């Protein structure tokens, strides 16, 4: 919330004649939001909720289109190669986008061919175990993995996915070994952990909370820097001996590289305003997500740093895409 308030204050201070004019004329036709994942996921839910509010704010239709495949890269490619006028947007998990250059031969450069607008929200990963596993914290899970090297089964949503790389990073930091079970999506990885075919799973808090709440999974760690109000008794990985550990779902909006700066200003103003709406804030909080609303330059810097950080993790672990 502090970041969002700062972003709103910056917009007021930045209200130059040029930016005011851009915000008064953009958009003058329908806007298309590309979601590079299937309907019902976090990116899709946020894109549709924000799109409805932007429609009301702008007085122009905001159409959400799902273009799936290649871990989100097909949809991102559509936006990267669109006309650079701000009318084609990408709402995606930029945590996954930051991993892609290390795993795929991309036909676009995320830093050159996509223009950052703002990070919408952050939601941590949960480390969750089957209730039969005799651990209640991440520290106990690591101790068990050390006692049973290579015996525990880690379920994740596919090689190269953000939950997979979170597990790889945790394994590297802890100096342990465990077996990996890759799935084509987070839903199946959690379903098989619920039935006991896997010992533990890492996935977004948004998708995992229902299984934790009904007792089918036990949350033992969370990848945010601070504990979640939804799970106040679950320790962070940061406080479990892995200082600075932070992974998760970083939902953001980007547009085509080369879009005029005044159009970026107008887009940023629109998104930050709707993110700040009470009903959007309440929706995010109910999902276990924190609103962000940072500046385009801050999102761009974050993405550049994340690409470099994940490249080292991928290289050190020898991770290959599915």
C-alpha atoms as a PDB file:
ATOM      1  CA  UNK A   1       0.000   0.000   0.000  1.00  0.00           C
ATOM      2  CA  UNK A   2       2.883   2.394   0.673  1.00  0.00           C
ATOM      3  CA  UNK A   3       4.198   1.791  -2.844  1.00  0.00           C
ATOM      4  CA  UNK A   4       0.739   2.397  -4.308  1.00  0.00           C
ATOM      5  CA  UNK A   5       0.305   5.647  -2.386  1.00  0.00           C
ATOM      6  CA  UNK A   6       3.730   6.809  -3.545  1.00  0.00           C
ATOM      7  CA  UNK A   7       2.856   5.992  -7.142  1.00  0.00           C
ATOM      8  CA  UNK A   8      -0.359   8.046  -6.929  1.00  0.00           C
ATOM      9  CA  UNK A   9       1.539  10.982  -5.423  1.00  0.00           C
ATOM     10  CA  UNK A  10       4.149  10.771  -8.172  1.00  0.00           C
ATOM     11  CA  UNK A  11       1.444  10.871 -10.821  1.00  0.00           C
ATOM     12  CA  UNK A  12       0.025  14.070  -9.353  1.00  0.00           C
ATOM     13  CA  UNK A  13       3.491  15.641  -9.188  1.00  0.00           C
ATOM     14  CA  UNK A  14       4.262  14.478 -12.706  1.00  0.00           C
ATOM     15  CA  UNK A  15       1.153  16.108 -14.166  1.00  0.00           C
ATOM     16  CA  UNK A  16       2.916  18.034 -16.956  1.00  0.00           C
ATOM     17  CA  UNK A  17       0.859  19.489 -19.852  1.00  0.00           C
ATOM     18  CA  UNK A  18       2.116  16.684 -22.105  1.00  0.00           C
ATOM     19  CA  UNK A  19       1.098  13.901 -19.738  1.00  0.00           C
ATOM     20  CA  UNK A  20      -2.245  15.546 -18.961  1.00  0.00           C
ATOM     21  CA  UNK A  21      -2.970  15.756 -22.679  1.00  0.00           C
ATOM     22  CA  UNK A  22      -2.034  12.116 -23.204  1.00  0.00           C
ATOM     23  CA  UNK A  23      -4.275  11.027 -20.351  1.00  0.00           C
ATOM     24  CA  UNK A  24      -7.130  13.062 -21.825  1.00  0.00           C
ATOM     25  CA  UNK A  25      -6.923  11.492 -25.290  1.00  0.00           C
ATOM     26  CA  UNK A  26      -5.766   7.935 -24.614  1.00  0.00           C
ATOM     27  CA  UNK A  27      -7.406   5.601 -25.303  1.00  0.00           C
ATOM     28  CA  UNK A  28      -9.570   6.670 -28.225  1.00  0.00           C
ATOM     29  CA  UNK A  29     -10.420   3.095 -29.318  1.00  0.00           C
ATOM     30  CA  UNK A  30     -10.718  -0.392 -27.788  1.00  0.00           C
ATOM     31  CA  UNK A  31      -7.755  -1.756 -25.809  1.00  0.00           C
ATOM     32  CA  UNK A  32      -6.713  -5.408 -25.966  1.00  0.00           C
ATOM     33  CA  UNK A  33      -5.180  -7.224 -22.981  1.00  0.00           C
ATOM     34  CA  UNK A  34      -3.296 -10.407 -23.835  1.00  0.00           C
ATOM     35  CA  UNK A  35      -3.163 -12.994 -21.051  1.00  0.00           C
ATOM     36  CA  UNK A  36      -0.618 -15.696 -21.968  1.00  0.00           C
ATOM     37  CA  UNK A  37      -2.212 -18.337 -19.732  1.00  0.00           C
ATOM     38  CA  UNK A  38      -5.493 -20.232 -19.617  1.00  0.00           C
ATOM     39  CA  UNK A  39      -8.710 -18.710 -18.246  1.00  0.00           C
ATOM     40  CA  UNK A  40      -9.130 -18.925 -14.488  1.00  0.00           C
ATOM     41  CA  UNK A  41      -5.507 -18.375 -13.494  1.00  0.00           C
ATOM     42  CA  UNK A  42      -4.162 -15.428 -11.512  1.00  0.00           C
ATOM     43  CA  UNK A  43      -3.227 -13.351 -14.580  1.00  0.00           C
ATOM     44  CA  UNK A  44      -6.619 -13.961 -16.170  1.00  0.00           C
ATOM     45  CA  UNK A  45      -8.552 -13.114 -12.992  1.00  0.00           C
ATOM     46  CA  UNK A  46      -6.656  -9.842 -12.517  1.00  0.00           C
ATOM     47  CA  UNK A  47      -6.809  -8.852 -16.191  1.00  0.00           C
ATOM     48  CA  UNK A  48     -10.599  -9.241 -16.268  1.00  0.00           C
ATOM     49  CA  UNK A  49     -11.158  -7.453 -12.948  1.00  0.00           C
ATOM     50  CA  UNK A  50      -8.923  -4.525 -13.910  1.00  0.00           C
ATOM     51  CA  UNK A  51     -10.188  -4.496 -17.494  1.00  0.00           C
ATOM     52  CA  UNK A  52     -13.754  -3.941 -16.327  1.00  0.00           C
ATOM     53  CA  UNK A  53     -12.692  -0.989 -14.161  1.00  0.00           C
ATOM     54  CA  UNK A  54     -10.529   0.477 -16.943  1.00  0.00           C
ATOM     55  CA  UNK A  55     -13.499   0.231 -19.285  1.00  0.00           C
ATOM     56  CA  UNK A  56     -15.487   2.358 -16.856  1.00  0.00           C
ATOM     57  CA  UNK A  57     -12.608   4.820 -16.383  1.00  0.00           C
ATOM     58  CA  UNK A  58     -11.644   5.192 -20.036  1.00  0.00           C
ATOM     59  CA  UNK A  59     -15.036   4.839 -21.674  1.00  0.00           C
ATOM     60  CA  UNK A  60     -13.541   2.377 -24.156  1.00  0.00           C
ATOM     61  CA  UNK A  61     -13.928  -1.400 -24.404  1.00  0.00           C
ATOM     62  CA  UNK A  62     -11.107  -3.401 -22.793  1.00  0.00           C
ATOM     63  CA  UNK A  63     -11.025  -6.894 -24.282  1.00  0.00           C
ATOM     64  CA  UNK A  64      -9.149  -9.771 -22.623  1.00  0.00           C
ATOM     65  CA  UNK A  65      -7.725 -12.421 -24.954  1.00  0.00           C
ATOM     66  CA  UNK A  66      -6.047 -15.652 -23.788  1.00  0.00           C
ATOM     67  CA  UNK A  67      -3.064 -16.693 -25.935  1.00  0.00           C
ATOM     68  CA  UNK A  68      -1.507 -19.687 -24.202  1.00  0.00           C
ATOM     69  CA  UNK A  69       1.621 -21.756 -24.712  1.00  0.00           C
ATOM     70  CA  UNK A  70       5.373 -22.023 -24.079  1.00  0.00           C
ATOM     71  CA  UNK A  71       5.192 -20.945 -20.422  1.00  0.00           C
ATOM     72  CA  UNK A  72       3.576 -17.634 -21.372  1.00  0.00           C
ATOM     73  CA  UNK A  73       5.976 -16.782 -24.188  1.00  0.00           C
ATOM     74  CA  UNK A  74       3.497 -17.094 -27.072  1.00  0.00           C
ATOM     75  CA  UNK A  75       1.261 -14.379 -25.641  1.00  0.00           C
ATOM     76  CA  UNK A  76       4.246 -12.207 -24.761  1.00  0.00           C
ATOM     77  CA  UNK A  77       5.493 -12.531 -28.344  1.00  0.00           C
ATOM     78  CA  UNK A  78       2.132 -11.240 -29.648  1.00  0.00           C
ATOM     79  CA  UNK A  79       2.512  -8.066 -27.576  1.00  0.00           C
ATOM     80  CA  UNK A  80       6.209  -7.659 -28.389  1.00  0.00           C
ATOM     81  CA  UNK A  81       5.378  -7.630 -32.114  1.00  0.00           C
ATOM     82  CA  UNK A  82       2.243  -5.488 -31.950  1.00  0.00           C
ATOM     83  CA  UNK A  83       2.018  -1.884 -33.075  1.00  0.00           C
ATOM     84  CA  UNK A  84       3.789   0.334 -30.537  1.00  0.00           C
ATOM     85  CA  UNK A  85       0.786   2.478 -29.668  1.00  0.00           C
ATOM     86  CA  UNK A  86      -0.235   1.146 -26.226  1.00  0.00           C
ATOM     87  CA  UNK A  87      -3.436  -0.511 -27.432  1.00  0.00           C
ATOM     88  CA  UNK A  88      -2.091  -4.046 -26.977  1.00  0.00           C
ATOM     89  CA  UNK A  89      -1.181  -4.914 -23.390  1.00  0.00           C
ATOM     90  CA  UNK A  90       0.276  -7.942 -21.636  1.00  0.00           C
ATOM     91  CA  UNK A  91      -0.861  -8.977 -18.157  1.00  0.00           C
ATOM     92  CA  UNK A  92       1.419 -11.756 -16.967  1.00  0.00           C
ATOM     93  CA  UNK A  93       3.564 -13.151 -14.196  1.00  0.00           C
ATOM     94  CA  UNK A  94       6.840 -11.322 -14.833  1.00  0.00           C
ATOM     95  CA  UNK A  95       8.538 -13.746 -12.463  1.00  0.00           C
ATOM     96  CA  UNK A  96       8.050 -16.402 -15.132  1.00  0.00           C
ATOM     97  CA  UNK A  97       8.937 -13.935 -17.880  1.00  0.00           C
ATOM     98  CA  UNK A  98      12.262 -13.277 -16.130  1.00  0.00           C
ATOM     99  CA  UNK A  99      13.094 -16.987 -16.225  1.00  0.00           C
ATOM    100  CA  UNK A 100      12.268 -17.517 -19.916  1.00  0.00           C
ATOM    101  CA  UNK A 101      15.420 -16.001 -21.515  1.00  0.00           C
ATOM    102  CA  UNK A 102      17.542 -18.605 -19.716  1.00  0.00           C
ATOM    103  CA  UNK A 103      15.446 -21.538 -20.935  1.00  0.00           C
ATOM    104  CA  UNK A 104      14.002 -20.674 -24.341  1.00  0.00           C
ATOM    105  CA  UNK A 105      15.264 -19.356 -27.660  1.00  0.00           C
ATOM    106  CA  UNK A 106      12.891 -16.394 -27.588  1.00  0.00           C
ATOM    107  CA  UNK A 107      11.913 -14.507 -30.711  1.00  0.00           C
ATOM    108  CA  UNK A 108      11.744 -11.297 -28.667  1.00  0.00           C
ATOM    109  CA  UNK A 109      13.813  -9.544 -26.010  1.00  0.00           C
ATOM    110  CA  UNK A 110      11.740  -8.876 -22.868  1.00  0.00           C
ATOM    111  CA  UNK A 111      13.759  -5.762 -22.010  1.00  0.00           C
ATOM    112  CA  UNK A 112      13.847  -4.298 -25.526  1.00  0.00           C
ATOM    113  CA  UNK A 113      10.579  -5.416 -27.126  1.00  0.00           C
ATOM    114  CA  UNK A 114       8.286  -4.984 -24.133  1.00  0.00           C
ATOM    115  CA  UNK A 115       7.704  -1.707 -22.293  1.00  0.00           C
ATOM    116  CA  UNK A 116       6.921  -1.902 -18.551  1.00  0.00           C
ATOM    117  CA  UNK A 117       3.842  -0.120 -17.215  1.00  0.00           C
ATOM    118  CA  UNK A 118       3.440  -1.263 -13.601  1.00  0.00           C
ATOM    119  CA  UNK A 119       3.546  -4.270 -11.310  1.00  0.00           C
ATOM    120  CA  UNK A 120      -0.018  -4.977 -10.259  1.00  0.00           C
ATOM    121  CA  UNK A 121       0.426  -7.309  -7.317  1.00  0.00           C
ATOM    122  CA  UNK A 122       2.711  -9.793  -5.607  1.00  0.00           C
ATOM    123  CA  UNK A 123       1.642 -13.137  -4.152  1.00  0.00           C
ATOM    124  CA  UNK A 124       4.107 -15.423  -2.413  1.00  0.00           C
ATOM    125  CA  UNK A 125       4.719 -19.099  -3.007  1.00  0.00           C
ATOM    126  CA  UNK A 126       3.638 -21.557  -0.345  1.00  0.00           C
ATOM    127  CA  UNK A 127       5.667 -24.632   0.514  1.00  0.00           C
ATOM    128  CA  UNK A 128       3.025 -27.217   1.411  1.00  0.00           C
ATOM    129  CA  UNK A 129       3.297 -30.876   2.410  1.00  0.00           C
ATOM    130  CA  UNK A 130       0.998 -33.869   2.496  1.00  0.00           C
ATOM    131  CA  UNK A 131      -0.434 -34.043   6.051  1.00  0.00           C
ATOM    132  CA  UNK A 132       1.225 -37.427   6.627  1.00  0.00           C
ATOM    133  CA  UNK A 133       4.714 -35.946   6.290  1.00  0.00           C
ATOM    134  CA  UNK A 134       6.101 -35.448   9.836  1.00  0.00           C
ATOM    135  CA  UNK A 135       7.061 -31.784   9.451  1.00  0.00           C
ATOM    136  CA  UNK A 136       5.390 -28.540  10.473  1.00  0.00           C
ATOM    137  CA  UNK A 137       7.944 -25.954   9.285  1.00  0.00           C
ATOM    138  CA  UNK A 138      10.245 -25.438   6.327  1.00  0.00           C
ATOM    139  CA  UNK A 139      13.230 -25.948   8.639  1.00  0.00           C
ATOM    140  CA  UNK A 140      11.856 -29.373   9.589  1.00  0.00           C
ATOM    141  CA  UNK A 141      11.267 -30.193   5.908  1.00  0.00           C
ATOM    142  CA  UNK A 142      14.906 -29.393   5.121  1.00  0.00           C
ATOM    143  CA  UNK A 143      16.084 -31.463   8.093  1.00  0.00           C
ATOM    144  CA  UNK A 144      14.014 -34.412   6.829  1.00  0.00           C
ATOM    145  CA  UNK A 145      15.431 -33.991   3.327  1.00  0.00           C
ATOM    146  CA  UNK A 146      18.945 -34.118   4.752  1.00  0.00           C
ATOM    147  CA  UNK A 147      18.070 -37.246   6.700  1.00  0.00           C
ATOM    148  CA  UNK A 148      16.569 -38.859   3.586  1.00  0.00           C
ATOM    149  CA  UNK A 149      18.749 -37.599   0.715  1.00  0.00           C
ATOM    150  CA  UNK A 150      16.995 -37.939  -2.635  1.00  0.00           C
ATOM    151  CA  UNK A 151      13.971 -39.675  -1.109  1.00  0.00           C
ATOM    152  CA  UNK A 152      11.439 -36.856  -0.800  1.00  0.00           C
ATOM    153  CA  UNK A 153       9.293 -36.079  -3.868  1.00  0.00           C
ATOM    154  CA  UNK A 154       8.854 -32.431  -4.874  1.00  0.00           C
ATOM    155  CA  UNK A 155       5.858 -31.730  -7.158  1.00  0.00           C
ATOM    156  CA  UNK A 156       5.895 -28.633  -9.348  1.00  0.00           C
ATOM    157  CA  UNK A 157       4.072 -27.127 -12.307  1.00  0.00           C
ATOM    158  CA  UNK A 158       6.634 -27.931 -15.006  1.00  0.00           C
ATOM    159  CA  UNK A 159      10.350 -27.605 -15.697  1.00  0.00           C
ATOM    160  CA  UNK A 160      11.326 -23.956 -15.911  1.00  0.00           C
ATOM    161  CA  UNK A 161       8.167 -22.678 -14.225  1.00  0.00           C
ATOM    162  CA  UNK A 162       8.425 -20.168 -11.388  1.00  0.00           C
ATOM    163  CA  UNK A 163       7.397 -22.732  -8.709  1.00  0.00           C
ATOM    164  CA  UNK A 164       9.984 -25.173 -10.071  1.00  0.00           C
ATOM    165  CA  UNK A 165      12.760 -22.579  -9.934  1.00  0.00           C
ATOM    166  CA  UNK A 166      11.677 -21.599  -6.413  1.00  0.00           C
ATOM    167  CA  UNK A 167      12.222 -25.216  -5.395  1.00  0.00           C
ATOM    168  CA  UNK A 168      15.561 -25.331  -7.191  1.00  0.00           C
ATOM    169  CA  UNK A 169      16.690 -22.184  -5.394  1.00  0.00           C
ATOM    170  CA  UNK A 170      15.573 -23.581  -2.036  1.00  0.00           C
ATOM    171  CA  UNK A 171      17.447 -26.834  -2.734  1.00  0.00           C
ATOM    172  CA  UNK A 172      20.595 -24.903  -3.670  1.00  0.00           C
ATOM    173  CA  UNK A 173      20.410 -22.695  -0.599  1.00  0.00           C
ATOM    174  CA  UNK A 174      19.748 -25.651   1.720  1.00  0.00           C
ATOM    175  CA  UNK A 175      22.329 -27.972   0.167  1.00  0.00           C
ATOM    176  CA  UNK A 176      19.926 -30.911  -0.060  1.00  0.00           C
ATOM    177  CA  UNK A 177      18.697 -33.310  -2.720  1.00  0.00           C
ATOM    178  CA  UNK A 178      15.163 -34.436  -3.487  1.00  0.00           C
ATOM    179  CA  UNK A 179      13.368 -36.050  -6.404  1.00  0.00           C
ATOM    180  CA  UNK A 180      11.339 -33.820  -8.721  1.00  0.00           C
ATOM    181  CA  UNK A 181       7.969 -34.653 -10.262  1.00  0.00           C
ATOM    182  CA  UNK A 182       7.162 -32.158 -13.033  1.00  0.00           C
ATOM    183  CA  UNK A 183       3.553 -31.629 -14.111  1.00  0.00           C
ATOM    184  CA  UNK A 184       1.959 -29.597 -16.856  1.00  0.00           C
ATOM    185  CA  UNK A 185       0.413 -27.058 -14.556  1.00  0.00           C
ATOM    186  CA  UNK A 186       0.041 -26.298 -10.881  1.00  0.00           C
ATOM    187  CA  UNK A 187      -3.398 -27.895 -10.474  1.00  0.00           C
ATOM    188  CA  UNK A 188      -2.131 -31.424 -11.113  1.00  0.00           C
ATOM    189  CA  UNK A 189       0.966 -30.957  -8.968  1.00  0.00           C
ATOM    190  CA  UNK A 190      -1.229 -30.010  -6.018  1.00  0.00           C
ATOM    191  CA  UNK A 191      -3.770 -32.754  -6.727  1.00  0.00           C
ATOM    192  CA  UNK A 192      -1.072 -35.435  -6.591  1.00  0.00           C
ATOM    193  CA  UNK A 193       0.364 -33.993  -3.387  1.00  0.00           C
ATOM    194  CA  UNK A 194      -3.117 -34.077  -1.871  1.00  0.00           C
ATOM    195  CA  UNK A 195      -3.380 -37.787  -2.704  1.00  0.00           C
ATOM    196  CA  UNK A 196       0.102 -38.483  -1.320  1.00  0.00           C
ATOM    197  CA  UNK A 197       1.809 -39.307  -4.614  1.00  0.00           C
ATOM    198  CA  UNK A 198       4.192 -36.422  -3.862  1.00  0.00           C
ATOM    199  CA  UNK A 199       5.530 -35.334  -0.494  1.00  0.00           C
ATOM    200  CA  UNK A 200       5.480 -31.578  -0.982  1.00  0.00           C
ATOM    201  CA  UNK A 201       4.581 -28.923  -3.524  1.00  0.00           C
ATOM    202  CA  UNK A 202       5.460 -25.283  -4.148  1.00  0.00           C
ATOM    203  CA  UNK A 203       2.844 -23.078  -5.756  1.00  0.00           C
ATOM    204  CA  UNK A 204       1.269 -19.642  -5.478  1.00  0.00           C
ATOM    205  CA  UNK A 205      -0.665 -18.827  -2.315  1.00  0.00           C
ATOM    206  CA  UNK A 206      -3.582 -17.874  -4.603  1.00  0.00           C
ATOM    207  CA  UNK A 207      -3.952 -21.449  -5.850  1.00  0.00           C
ATOM    208  CA  UNK A 208      -2.841 -23.294  -2.701  1.00  0.00           C
ATOM    209  CA  UNK A 209      -4.932 -21.642   0.020  1.00  0.00           C
ATOM    210  CA  UNK A 210      -8.137 -23.666  -0.606  1.00  0.00           C
ATOM    211  CA  UNK A 211      -6.233 -26.943  -0.057  1.00  0.00           C
ATOM    212  CA  UNK A 212      -4.595 -25.572   3.101  1.00  0.00           C
ATOM    213  CA  UNK A 213      -7.868 -24.264   4.473  1.00  0.00           C
ATOM    214  CA  UNK A 214      -9.654 -27.592   4.086  1.00  0.00           C
ATOM    215  CA  UNK A 215      -6.754 -29.545   5.589  1.00  0.00           C
ATOM    216  CA  UNK A 216      -5.713 -31.428   2.444  1.00  0.00           C
ATOM    217  CA  UNK A 217      -2.284 -29.771   2.532  1.00  0.00           C
ATOM    218  CA  UNK A 218      -0.206 -28.334   5.376  1.00  0.00           C
ATOM    219  CA  UNK A 219       1.616 -25.050   4.682  1.00  0.00           C
ATOM    220  CA  UNK A 220       5.083 -25.138   6.230  1.00  0.00           C
ATOM    221  CA  UNK A 221       6.726 -22.074   4.678  1.00  0.00           C
ATOM    222  CA  UNK A 222       6.006 -18.940   2.682  1.00  0.00           C
ATOM    223  CA  UNK A 223       8.400 -17.199   0.288  1.00  0.00           C
ATOM    224  CA  UNK A 224       7.574 -13.578   1.152  1.00  0.00           C
ATOM    225  CA  UNK A 225       9.773 -11.395   3.366  1.00  0.00           C
ATOM    226  CA  UNK A 226       6.996 -11.101   5.966  1.00  0.00           C
ATOM    227  CA  UNK A 227       4.309 -13.508   7.141  1.00  0.00           C
ATOM    228  CA  UNK A 228       0.912 -13.503   5.450  1.00  0.00           C
ATOM    229  CA  UNK A 229      -2.124 -12.235   7.427  1.00  0.00           C
ATOM    230  CA  UNK A 230      -3.963 -15.243   5.982  1.00  0.00           C
ATOM    231  CA  UNK A 231      -1.409 -17.639   7.528  1.00  0.00           C
ATOM    232  CA  UNK A 232       0.121 -15.806  10.492  1.00  0.00           C
ATOM    233  CA  UNK A 233       1.525 -19.001  12.028  1.00  0.00           C
ATOM    234  CA  UNK A 234       3.425 -20.084   8.904  1.00  0.00           C
ATOM    235  CA  UNK A 235       7.062 -18.887   9.056  1.00  0.00           C
ATOM    236  CA  UNK A 236       8.736 -17.265   6.083  1.00  0.00           C
ATOM    237  CA  UNK A 237      11.671 -18.939   4.384  1.00  0.00           C
ATOM    238  CA  UNK A 238      13.592 -15.757   5.209  1.00  0.00           C
ATOM    239  CA  UNK A 239      13.172 -16.411   8.951  1.00  0.00           C
ATOM    240  CA  UNK A 240      13.693 -20.168   8.499  1.00  0.00           C
ATOM    241  CA  UNK A 241      17.388 -19.769   7.774  1.00  0.00           C
ATOM    242  CA  UNK A 242      17.313 -18.521   4.158  1.00  0.00           C
ATOM    243  CA  UNK A 243      17.947 -14.800   4.477  1.00  0.00           C
ATOM    244  CA  UNK A 244      16.517 -12.692   1.668  1.00  0.00           C
ATOM    245  CA  UNK A 245      14.627 -15.603   0.096  1.00  0.00           C
ATOM    246  CA  UNK A 246      11.741 -14.174  -1.910  1.00  0.00           C
ATOM    247  CA  UNK A 247       9.899 -15.773  -4.823  1.00  0.00           C
ATOM    248  CA  UNK A 248       6.288 -15.778  -5.944  1.00  0.00           C
ATOM    249  CA  UNK A 249       3.831 -14.560  -8.518  1.00  0.00           C
ATOM    250  CA  UNK A 250       4.597 -11.025  -9.711  1.00  0.00           C
ATOM    251  CA  UNK A 251       1.617  -9.957 -11.811  1.00  0.00           C
ATOM    252  CA  UNK A 252       2.391  -6.985 -14.037  1.00  0.00           C
ATOM    253  CA  UNK A 253       1.245  -5.113 -17.122  1.00  0.00           C
ATOM    254  CA  UNK A 254       3.533  -4.336 -20.053  1.00  0.00           C
ATOM    255  CA  UNK A 255       3.005  -3.069 -23.572  1.00  0.00           C
ATOM    256  CA  UNK A 256       4.961  -3.054 -26.816  1.00  0.00           C
ATOM    257  CA  UNK A 257       8.505  -1.695 -26.781  1.00  0.00           C
ATOM    258  CA  UNK A 258       8.814   1.715 -28.410  1.00  0.00           C
ATOM    259  CA  UNK A 259       5.390   2.916 -27.215  1.00  0.00           C
ATOM    260  CA  UNK A 260       5.515   6.733 -26.781  1.00  0.00           C
ATOM    261  CA  UNK A 261       6.356   7.844 -23.224  1.00  0.00           C
ATOM    262  CA  UNK A 262       3.189   9.934 -22.922  1.00  0.00           C
ATOM    263  CA  UNK A 263       1.117   6.838 -23.690  1.00  0.00           C
ATOM    264  CA  UNK A 264       2.999   4.886 -21.018  1.00  0.00           C
ATOM    265  CA  UNK A 265       2.166   7.698 -18.566  1.00  0.00           C
ATOM    266  CA  UNK A 266      -1.535   7.440 -19.458  1.00  0.00           C
ATOM    267  CA  UNK A 267      -1.523   3.653 -19.124  1.00  0.00           C
ATOM    268  CA  UNK A 268       0.286   3.838 -15.790  1.00  0.00           C
ATOM    269  CA  UNK A 269      -2.181   6.416 -14.465  1.00  0.00           C
ATOM    270  CA  UNK A 270      -5.130   4.252 -15.443  1.00  0.00           C
ATOM    271  CA  UNK A 271      -3.804   1.050 -13.919  1.00  0.00           C
ATOM    272  CA  UNK A 272      -2.604   2.630 -10.678  1.00  0.00           C
ATOM    273  CA  UNK A 273      -5.988   4.317 -10.233  1.00  0.00           C
ATOM    274  CA  UNK A 274      -7.977   1.093 -10.622  1.00  0.00           C
ATOM    275  CA  UNK A 275      -5.550  -0.938  -8.487  1.00  0.00           C
ATOM    276  CA  UNK A 276      -6.264   1.568  -5.697  1.00  0.00           C
ATOM    277  CA  UNK A 277     -10.050   1.031  -5.851  1.00  0.00           C
ATOM    278  CA  UNK A 278     -11.396  -0.479  -2.596  1.00  0.00           C
ATOM    279  CA  UNK A 279     -13.058  -3.411  -4.362  1.00  0.00           C
ATOM    280  CA  UNK A 280      -9.816  -4.300  -6.178  1.00  0.00           C
ATOM    281  CA  UNK A 281      -7.849  -3.963  -2.944  1.00  0.00           C
ATOM    282  CA  UNK A 282     -10.308  -6.264  -1.182  1.00  0.00           C
ATOM    283  CA  UNK A 283     -10.114  -8.806  -4.023  1.00  0.00           C
ATOM    284  CA  UNK A 284      -6.323  -8.864  -3.883  1.00  0.00           C
ATOM    285  CA  UNK A 285      -6.250  -9.238  -0.108  1.00  0.00           C
ATOM    286  CA  UNK A 286      -8.745 -12.111  -0.235  1.00  0.00           C
ATOM    287  CA  UNK A 287      -6.404 -13.902  -2.639  1.00  0.00           C
ATOM    288  CA  UNK A 288      -3.386 -13.369  -0.403  1.00  0.00           C
ATOM    289  CA  UNK A 289      -1.828 -10.820  -2.768  1.00  0.00           C
ATOM    290  CA  UNK A 290      -0.315  -7.406  -2.046  1.00  0.00           C
ATOM    291  CA  UNK A 291      -1.012  -4.447  -4.325  1.00  0.00           C
ATOM    292  CA  UNK A 292       2.122  -2.819  -5.777  1.00  0.00           C
ATOM    293  CA  UNK A 293       1.504  -0.142  -8.436  1.00  0.00           C
ATOM    294  CA  UNK A 294       5.156   0.879  -8.935  1.00  0.00           C
ATOM    295  CA  UNK A 295       6.572   3.072 -11.706  1.00  0.00           C
ATOM    296  CA  UNK A 296       7.513   1.852 -15.213  1.00  0.00           C
ATOM    297  CA  UNK A 297      11.196   2.422 -14.466  1.00  0.00           C
ATOM    298  CA  UNK A 298      10.981   0.461 -11.209  1.00  0.00           C
ATOM    299  CA  UNK A 299       9.289  -2.461 -12.965  1.00  0.00           C
ATOM    300  CA  UNK A 300      11.894  -2.357 -15.740  1.00  0.00           C
ATOM    301  CA  UNK A 301      14.756  -2.398 -13.237  1.00  0.00           C
ATOM    302  CA  UNK A 302      13.122  -5.253 -11.316  1.00  0.00           C
ATOM    303  CA  UNK A 303      12.743  -7.317 -14.501  1.00  0.00           C
ATOM    304  CA  UNK A 304      16.350  -6.731 -15.561  1.00  0.00           C
ATOM    305  CA  UNK A 305      17.673  -7.775 -12.155  1.00  0.00           C
ATOM    306  CA  UNK A 306      15.400 -10.825 -12.029  1.00  0.00           C
ATOM    307  CA  UNK A 307      16.548 -12.021 -15.472  1.00  0.00           C
ATOM    308  CA  UNK A 308      20.174 -11.926 -14.294  1.00  0.00           C
ATOM    309  CA  UNK A 309      19.439 -13.620 -10.963  1.00  0.00           C
ATOM    310  CA  UNK A 310      17.459 -16.498 -12.465  1.00  0.00           C
ATOM    311  CA  UNK A 311      20.033 -17.010 -15.231  1.00  0.00           C
ATOM    312  CA  UNK A 312      22.583 -17.942 -12.547  1.00  0.00           C
ATOM    313  CA  UNK A 313      20.156 -20.314 -10.807  1.00  0.00           C
ATOM    314  CA  UNK A 314      19.284 -22.021 -14.113  1.00  0.00           C
ATOM    315  CA  UNK A 315      22.932 -22.347 -15.138  1.00  0.00           C
ATOM    316  CA  UNK A 316      24.136 -23.651 -11.769  1.00  0.00           C
ATOM    317  CA  UNK A 317      21.348 -26.241 -11.602  1.00  0.00           C
ATOM    318  CA  UNK A 318      21.445 -27.217 -15.273  1.00  0.00           C
ATOM    319  CA  UNK A 319      17.683 -26.722 -15.609  1.00  0.00           C
ATOM    320  CA  UNK A 320      16.145 -27.492 -18.997  1.00  0.00           C
ATOM    321  CA  UNK A 321      12.712 -26.503 -20.298  1.00  0.00           C
ATOM    322  CA  UNK A 322      10.063 -29.177 -20.867  1.00  0.00           C
END
